[in-house]
Each structure stands twice: as C-alpha cells, then as structure tokens.
C-alpha atoms as a PDB file:
ATOM      1  CA  MET A   1      61.918 115.871  95.878  1.00  0.00           C
ATOM      2  CA  ALA A   2      62.431 112.386  97.381  1.00  0.00           C
ATOM      3  CA  ALA A   3      63.746 111.030  94.061  1.00  0.00           C
ATOM      4  CA  LYS A   4      66.248 113.886  93.864  1.00  0.00           C
ATOM      5  CA  GLN A   5      67.462 113.184  97.406  1.00  0.00           C
ATOM      6  CA  LYS A   6      67.700 109.450  96.644  1.00  0.00           C
ATOM      7  CA  ASN A   7      69.837 110.216  93.550  1.00  0.00           C
ATOM      8  CA  GLU A   8      72.129 112.414  95.650  1.00  0.00           C
ATOM      9  CA  TRP A   9      72.656 109.601  98.188  1.00  0.00           C
ATOM     10  CA  LEU A  10      73.296 107.151  95.352  1.00  0.00           C
ATOM     11  CA  GLU A  11      75.913 109.473  93.819  1.00  0.00           C
ATOM     12  CA  TRP A  12      77.632 109.907  97.195  1.00  0.00           C
ATOM     13  CA  GLY A  13      77.579 106.129  97.692  1.00  0.00           C
ATOM     14  CA  LYS A  14      79.199 105.568  94.281  1.00  0.00           C
ATOM     15  CA  ALA A  15      81.893 108.179  94.989  1.00  0.00           C
ATOM     16  CA  ILE A  16      82.718 106.631  98.354  1.00  0.00           C
ATOM     17  CA  LEU A  17      82.813 103.122  96.864  1.00  0.00           C
ATOM     18  CA  VAL A  18      85.159 104.262  94.061  1.00  0.00           C
ATOM     19  CA  ALA A  19      87.419 105.986  96.618  1.00  0.00           C
ATOM     20  CA  VAL A  20      87.575 102.854  98.791  1.00  0.00           C
ATOM     21  CA  VAL A  21      88.338 100.608  95.802  1.00  0.00           C
ATOM     22  CA  LEU A  22      91.056 102.992  94.546  1.00  0.00           C
ATOM     23  CA  ALA A  23      92.601 103.216  98.017  1.00  0.00           C
ATOM     24  CA  PHE A  24      92.616  99.400  98.234  1.00  0.00           C
ATOM     25  CA  ILE A  25      94.297  99.038  94.828  1.00  0.00           C
ATOM     26  CA  ILE A  26      96.902 101.740  95.552  1.00  0.00           C
ATOM     27  CA  ARG A  27      97.700 100.361  99.026  1.00  0.00           C
ATOM     28  CA  ASN A  28      97.916  96.710  98.014  1.00  0.00           C
ATOM     29  CA  PHE A  29      99.464  96.894  94.553  1.00  0.00           C
ATOM     30  CA  LEU A  30     101.214 100.239  93.970  1.00  0.00           C
ATOM     31  CA  PHE A  31     102.392 102.093  97.080  1.00  0.00           C
ATOM     32  CA  ALA A  32     102.449 101.456 100.807  1.00  0.00           C
ATOM     33  CA  THR A  33     104.017 102.958 103.905  1.00  0.00           C
ATOM     34  CA  SER A  34     106.475 101.562 106.391  1.00  0.00           C
ATOM     35  CA  ILE A  35     107.895 102.871 109.651  1.00  0.00           C
ATOM     36  CA  VAL A  36     111.669 102.849 110.093  1.00  0.00           C
ATOM     37  CA  GLU A  37     112.544 100.952 113.274  1.00  0.00           C
ATOM     38  CA  GLY A  38     115.964 101.442 114.834  1.00  0.00           C
ATOM     39  CA  ALA A  39     119.104 103.308 113.863  1.00  0.00           C
ATOM     40  CA  SER A  40     120.484 101.004 111.150  1.00  0.00           C
ATOM     41  CA  MET A  41     119.774 103.480 108.322  1.00  0.00           C
ATOM     42  CA  ASP A  42     121.006 106.652 110.089  1.00  0.00           C
ATOM     43  CA  PRO A  43     121.692 109.278 108.831  1.00  0.00           C
ATOM     44  CA  THR A  44     119.609 108.627 105.674  1.00  0.00           C
ATOM     45  CA  LEU A  45     116.495 107.412 107.512  1.00  0.00           C
ATOM     46  CA  GLU A  46     115.899 107.848 111.219  1.00  0.00           C
ATOM     47  CA  ASN A  47     113.997 105.791 113.760  1.00  0.00           C
ATOM     48  CA  GLY A  48     110.274 106.538 113.637  1.00  0.00           C
ATOM     49  CA  GLU A  49     110.195 108.063 110.167  1.00  0.00           C
ATOM     50  CA  ARG A  50     107.374 106.888 107.919  1.00  0.00           C
ATOM     51  CA  VAL A  51     108.361 106.188 104.324  1.00  0.00           C
ATOM     52  CA  VAL A  52     106.363 105.540 101.169  1.00  0.00           C
ATOM     53  CA  PHE A  53     107.593 102.611  99.150  1.00  0.00           C
ATOM     54  CA  ASN A  54     106.892 101.674  95.559  1.00  0.00           C
ATOM     55  CA  LYS A  55     105.560  98.113  95.324  1.00  0.00           C
ATOM     56  CA  VAL A  56     105.281  97.893  91.542  1.00  0.00           C
ATOM     57  CA  VAL A  57     108.788  99.005  90.529  1.00  0.00           C
ATOM     58  CA  TYR A  58     110.393  95.571  90.963  1.00  0.00           C
ATOM     59  CA  HIS A  59     107.692  93.857  88.923  1.00  0.00           C
ATOM     60  CA  LEU A  60     108.967  95.952  86.009  1.00  0.00           C
ATOM     61  CA  ASP A  61     112.678  96.106  86.853  1.00  0.00           C
ATOM     62  CA  GLU A  62     115.214  94.687  89.305  1.00  0.00           C
ATOM     63  CA  PRO A  63     116.773  96.254  92.403  1.00  0.00           C
ATOM     64  CA  GLU A  64     119.948  98.203  91.639  1.00  0.00           C
ATOM     65  CA  PHE A  65     123.033  99.317  93.550  1.00  0.00           C
ATOM     66  CA  ASN A  66     122.163 102.045  96.091  1.00  0.00           C
ATOM     67  CA  ASP A  67     118.378 101.443  96.013  1.00  0.00           C
ATOM     68  CA  ILE A  68     116.872 101.662  99.494  1.00  0.00           C
ATOM     69  CA  VAL A  69     114.580  98.654  99.657  1.00  0.00           C
ATOM     70  CA  ILE A  70     111.956  97.122 101.921  1.00  0.00           C
ATOM     71  CA  ILE A  71     112.723  93.487 102.749  1.00  0.00           C
ATOM     72  CA  GLU A  72     109.882  91.355 104.041  1.00  0.00           C
ATOM     73  CA  ARG A  73     110.762  88.470 106.329  1.00  0.00           C
ATOM     74  CA  PRO A  74     108.301  86.404 108.381  1.00  0.00           C
ATOM     75  CA  GLU A  75     109.442  87.951 111.659  1.00  0.00           C
ATOM     76  CA  LYS A  76     109.591  91.599 110.474  1.00  0.00           C
ATOM     77  CA  SER A  77     110.380  93.953 107.622  1.00  0.00           C
ATOM     78  CA  TYR A  78     113.736  95.683 107.130  1.00  0.00           C
ATOM     79  CA  VAL A  79     114.841  98.837 105.323  1.00  0.00           C
ATOM     80  CA  LYS A  80     118.333  98.468 103.790  1.00  0.00           C
ATOM     81  CA  ARG A  81     120.490  99.696 100.915  1.00  0.00           C
ATOM     82  CA  VAL A  82     121.364  97.383  97.984  1.00  0.00           C
ATOM     83  CA  ILE A  83     125.136  97.035  97.829  1.00  0.00           C
ATOM     84  CA  GLY A  84     125.558  93.934  95.670  1.00  0.00           C
ATOM     85  CA  GLU A  85     123.437  92.545  92.847  1.00  0.00           C
ATOM     86  CA  PRO A  86     123.447  88.923  91.627  1.00  0.00           C
ATOM     87  CA  GLY A  87     126.922  88.025  90.360  1.00  0.00           C
ATOM     88  CA  ASP A  88     128.663  90.991  92.027  1.00  0.00           C
ATOM     89  CA  THR A  89     131.671  90.544  94.294  1.00  0.00           C
ATOM     90  CA  VAL A  90     131.452  92.697  97.428  1.00  0.00           C
ATOM     91  CA  GLU A  91     134.407  93.550  99.648  1.00  0.00           C
ATOM     92  CA  VAL A  92     135.161  96.062 102.379  1.00  0.00           C
ATOM     93  CA  LYS A  93     138.815  96.745 103.138  1.00  0.00           C
ATOM     94  CA  ASN A  94     140.334  99.602 105.104  1.00  0.00           C
ATOM     95  CA  HIS A  95     136.815 101.094 105.568  1.00  0.00           C
ATOM     96  CA  GLU A  96     136.300 101.334 101.789  1.00  0.00           C
ATOM     97  CA  LEU A  97     133.541  99.538  99.850  1.00  0.00           C
ATOM     98  CA  PHE A  98     134.474  97.737  96.630  1.00  0.00           C
ATOM     99  CA  VAL A  99     132.002  96.160  94.228  1.00  0.00           C
ATOM    100  CA  ASN A 100     133.575  94.057  91.476  1.00  0.00           C
ATOM    101  CA  GLY A 101     136.956  95.521  92.421  1.00  0.00           C
ATOM    102  CA  GLU A 102     135.827  99.140  91.971  1.00  0.00           C
ATOM    103  CA  LYS A 103     135.871 101.530  94.926  1.00  0.00           C
ATOM    104  CA  GLN A 104     132.387 102.925  95.537  1.00  0.00           C
ATOM    105  CA  LYS A 105     131.553 106.464  96.598  1.00  0.00           C
ATOM    106  CA  GLN A 106     129.271 106.450  99.615  1.00  0.00           C
ATOM    107  CA  ASN A 107     128.204 110.090  99.835  1.00  0.00           C
ATOM    108  CA  TYR A 108     125.177 109.077 101.912  1.00  0.00           C
ATOM    109  CA  LEU A 109     127.428 107.965 104.817  1.00  0.00           C
ATOM    110  CA  ASP A 110     128.885 110.217 107.463  1.00  0.00           C
ATOM    111  CA  GLN A 111     132.532 109.802 108.463  1.00  0.00           C
ATOM    112  CA  SER A 112     131.727 107.780 111.611  1.00  0.00           C
ATOM    113  CA  SER A 113     129.764 105.222 109.552  1.00  0.00           C
ATOM    114  CA  ILE A 114     132.623 104.895 107.078  1.00  0.00           C
ATOM    115  CA  GLN A 115     135.088 104.340 109.926  1.00  0.00           C
ATOM    116  CA  ALA A 116     132.734 101.766 111.508  1.00  0.00           C
ATOM    117  CA  THR A 117     132.687  99.657 108.341  1.00  0.00           C
ATOM    118  CA  ARG A 118     134.911  96.677 109.135  1.00  0.00           C
ATOM    119  CA  ASP A 119     136.747  94.553 106.610  1.00  0.00           C
ATOM    120  CA  TYR A 120     134.509  91.962 104.985  1.00  0.00           C
ATOM    121  CA  GLY A 121     134.774  89.561 102.076  1.00  0.00           C
ATOM    122  CA  PRO A 122     135.344  89.350  99.266  1.00  0.00           C
ATOM    123  CA  ILE A 123     132.108  87.469  98.730  1.00  0.00           C
ATOM    124  CA  LYS A 124     130.257  86.743  95.506  1.00  0.00           C
ATOM    125  CA  VAL A 125     126.515  87.378  95.474  1.00  0.00           C
ATOM    126  CA  PRO A 126     124.688  84.258  94.193  1.00  0.00           C
ATOM    127  CA  ASP A 127     122.158  84.380  91.360  1.00  0.00           C
ATOM    128  CA  GLY A 128     118.712  85.530  92.501  1.00  0.00           C
ATOM    129  CA  LYS A 129     120.085  87.137  95.674  1.00  0.00           C
ATOM    130  CA  TYR A 130     121.160  90.576  96.861  1.00  0.00           C
ATOM    131  CA  PHE A 131     123.704  91.872  99.355  1.00  0.00           C
ATOM    132  CA  VAL A 132     122.339  94.707 101.527  1.00  0.00           C
ATOM    133  CA  MET A 133     123.768  96.953 104.226  1.00  0.00           C
ATOM    134  CA  GLY A 134     122.413  99.619 106.528  1.00  0.00           C
ATOM    135  CA  ASP A 135     123.884 103.102 106.366  1.00  0.00           C
ATOM    136  CA  ASN A 136     124.791 103.035 110.067  1.00  0.00           C
ATOM    137  CA  ARG A 137     127.413 100.338 109.630  1.00  0.00           C
ATOM    138  CA  ALA A 138     128.272 100.053 113.337  1.00  0.00           C
ATOM    139  CA  VAL A 139     124.793  98.842 114.381  1.00  0.00           C
ATOM    140  CA  SER A 140     123.178  97.496 111.211  1.00  0.00           C
ATOM    141  CA  LYS A 141     121.906  93.939 111.006  1.00  0.00           C
ATOM    142  CA  ASP A 142     122.425  93.226 107.314  1.00  0.00           C
ATOM    143  CA  SER A 143     123.943  90.764 104.828  1.00  0.00           C
ATOM    144  CA  ARG A 144     127.227  90.813 106.743  1.00  0.00           C
ATOM    145  CA  ASN A 145     125.690  89.679 110.027  1.00  0.00           C
ATOM    146  CA  GLY A 146     122.275  88.245 110.664  1.00  0.00           C
ATOM    147  CA  LEU A 147     120.230  88.784 107.510  1.00  0.00           C
ATOM    148  CA  GLY A 148     122.481  86.981 105.055  1.00  0.00           C
ATOM    149  CA  MET A 149     121.874  87.237 101.338  1.00  0.00           C
ATOM    150  CA  ILE A 150     118.419  88.521 100.423  1.00  0.00           C
ATOM    151  CA  GLU A 151     116.198  86.530  98.071  1.00  0.00           C
ATOM    152  CA  GLU A 152     114.823  88.581  95.188  1.00  0.00           C
ATOM    153  CA  GLU A 153     111.234  87.790  96.195  1.00  0.00           C
ATOM    154  CA  GLU A 154     111.866  89.131  99.729  1.00  0.00           C
ATOM    155  CA  ILE A 155     112.390  92.624  98.301  1.00  0.00           C
ATOM    156  CA  ILE A 156     108.875  94.045  98.175  1.00  0.00           C
ATOM    157  CA  GLY A 157     109.532  97.649  97.237  1.00  0.00           C
ATOM    158  CA  ARG A 158     111.819 100.633  96.861  1.00  0.00           C
ATOM    159  CA  THR A 159     111.669 103.487  99.355  1.00  0.00           C
ATOM    160  CA  GLU A 160     110.660 106.646  97.528  1.00  0.00           C
ATOM    161  CA  LEU A 161     109.764 109.339 100.037  1.00  0.00           C
ATOM    162  CA  VAL A 162     109.826 110.220 103.738  1.00  0.00           C
ATOM    163  CA  ILE A 163     106.341 111.456 104.657  1.00  0.00           C
ATOM    164  CA  PHE A 164     106.547 111.741 108.434  1.00  0.00           C
ATOM    165  CA  PRO A 165     107.570 113.711 110.359  1.00  0.00           C
ATOM    166  CA  PHE A 166     106.062 116.281 108.016  1.00  0.00           C
ATOM    167  CA  GLY A 167     109.034 118.656 108.084  1.00  0.00           C
ATOM    168  CA  GLU A 168     111.268 115.823 106.848  1.00  0.00           C
ATOM    169  CA  ALA A 169     109.354 115.076 103.617  1.00  0.00           C
ATOM    170  CA  GLU A 170     111.922 114.376 100.924  1.00  0.00           C
ATOM    171  CA  ARG A 171     112.871 111.820  98.328  1.00  0.00           C
ATOM    172  CA  THR A 172     115.286 109.157  99.549  1.00  0.00           C
ATOM    173  CA  GLU A 173     118.440 108.498  97.549  1.00  0.00           C
END
C-alpha cells in the first residue's frame, strides 16, 4: 500500500513539474499578457484591458501595416499600431493618412480620432525602423511626438486577443 501511495505522489509531482515547465516556456517564449495603460488606443483597446500578445510571430516574420504591437522600452511598454514599415513614406494631410502616396482606410478609427489627426510629414521610415501611431490620435504618444521611430528589436510581439474584462474577449484587428 505504501509503494502505491508513493507512486501516486511521484506521478502528481511529475504532472505538476511538466505543467510548471510548460507554463514557463509559453510565458517566456510564445505568449504573454500586457495591460493597456491610458487612452492612446481608444476605441480599439481601452485603459485597463488585458491583452494576449504573440511573442514568436516576429521571429518568423516582420511587423506589417495595421499590426497592433507591443513595444518594449526601458521605462515602460507601449501598445501601438504599425503605420509605416522600413522604406515607407508616411504623411497625414487634411486628416487623411497616406502611406507611399496611397490614401489608407482607417476603419478602426472613429470620426473624432480622424479629425484629431493633424498634418504630419511626409517622412521616410529608415531601414530597420517602424512608424507607429495610437488609434486615439488626439492623445497618443507615438512616432509623431515622443516615441520617435521604433527599432525592430523593440517590437516584442503582436497583440492577438483581449482577455479581460471577460465580456470584452475578442481578437484585435
């Protein structure tokens, strides 16, 4: 009877160890969570929402236009939308966004955010860098003011899903 009980404890110990190791691998190398701070991504992401971000995607591919990315800086992390990729020319005129001279649809913005987008540029995005903006253009600290161009290695993941508050769970776009 004692040997049977010892085997049961050993099996439970193995299961717990495997679960801890898997959680460590998933958290550190595949997916992580971040809390949205502030209103710079309204209406897409709101202050206090917890998002899951994919950490492996940019080891296999590069950030693309419209990706919502996590940017890691020494002082804090930021959640922003990729607007310009390396080599792109970004310009805002008359509240309209142009990338490489082509007007971009911004269906994710509400009318007040579009109207708050001031003229900017044109500016060419250097190699190895990205131009990012928040969706709430009136209050966002982004590549136009404060963050500057984002180094490729500062982008640590792509936001995939809102997980909290629970009623808000959805894929970000």
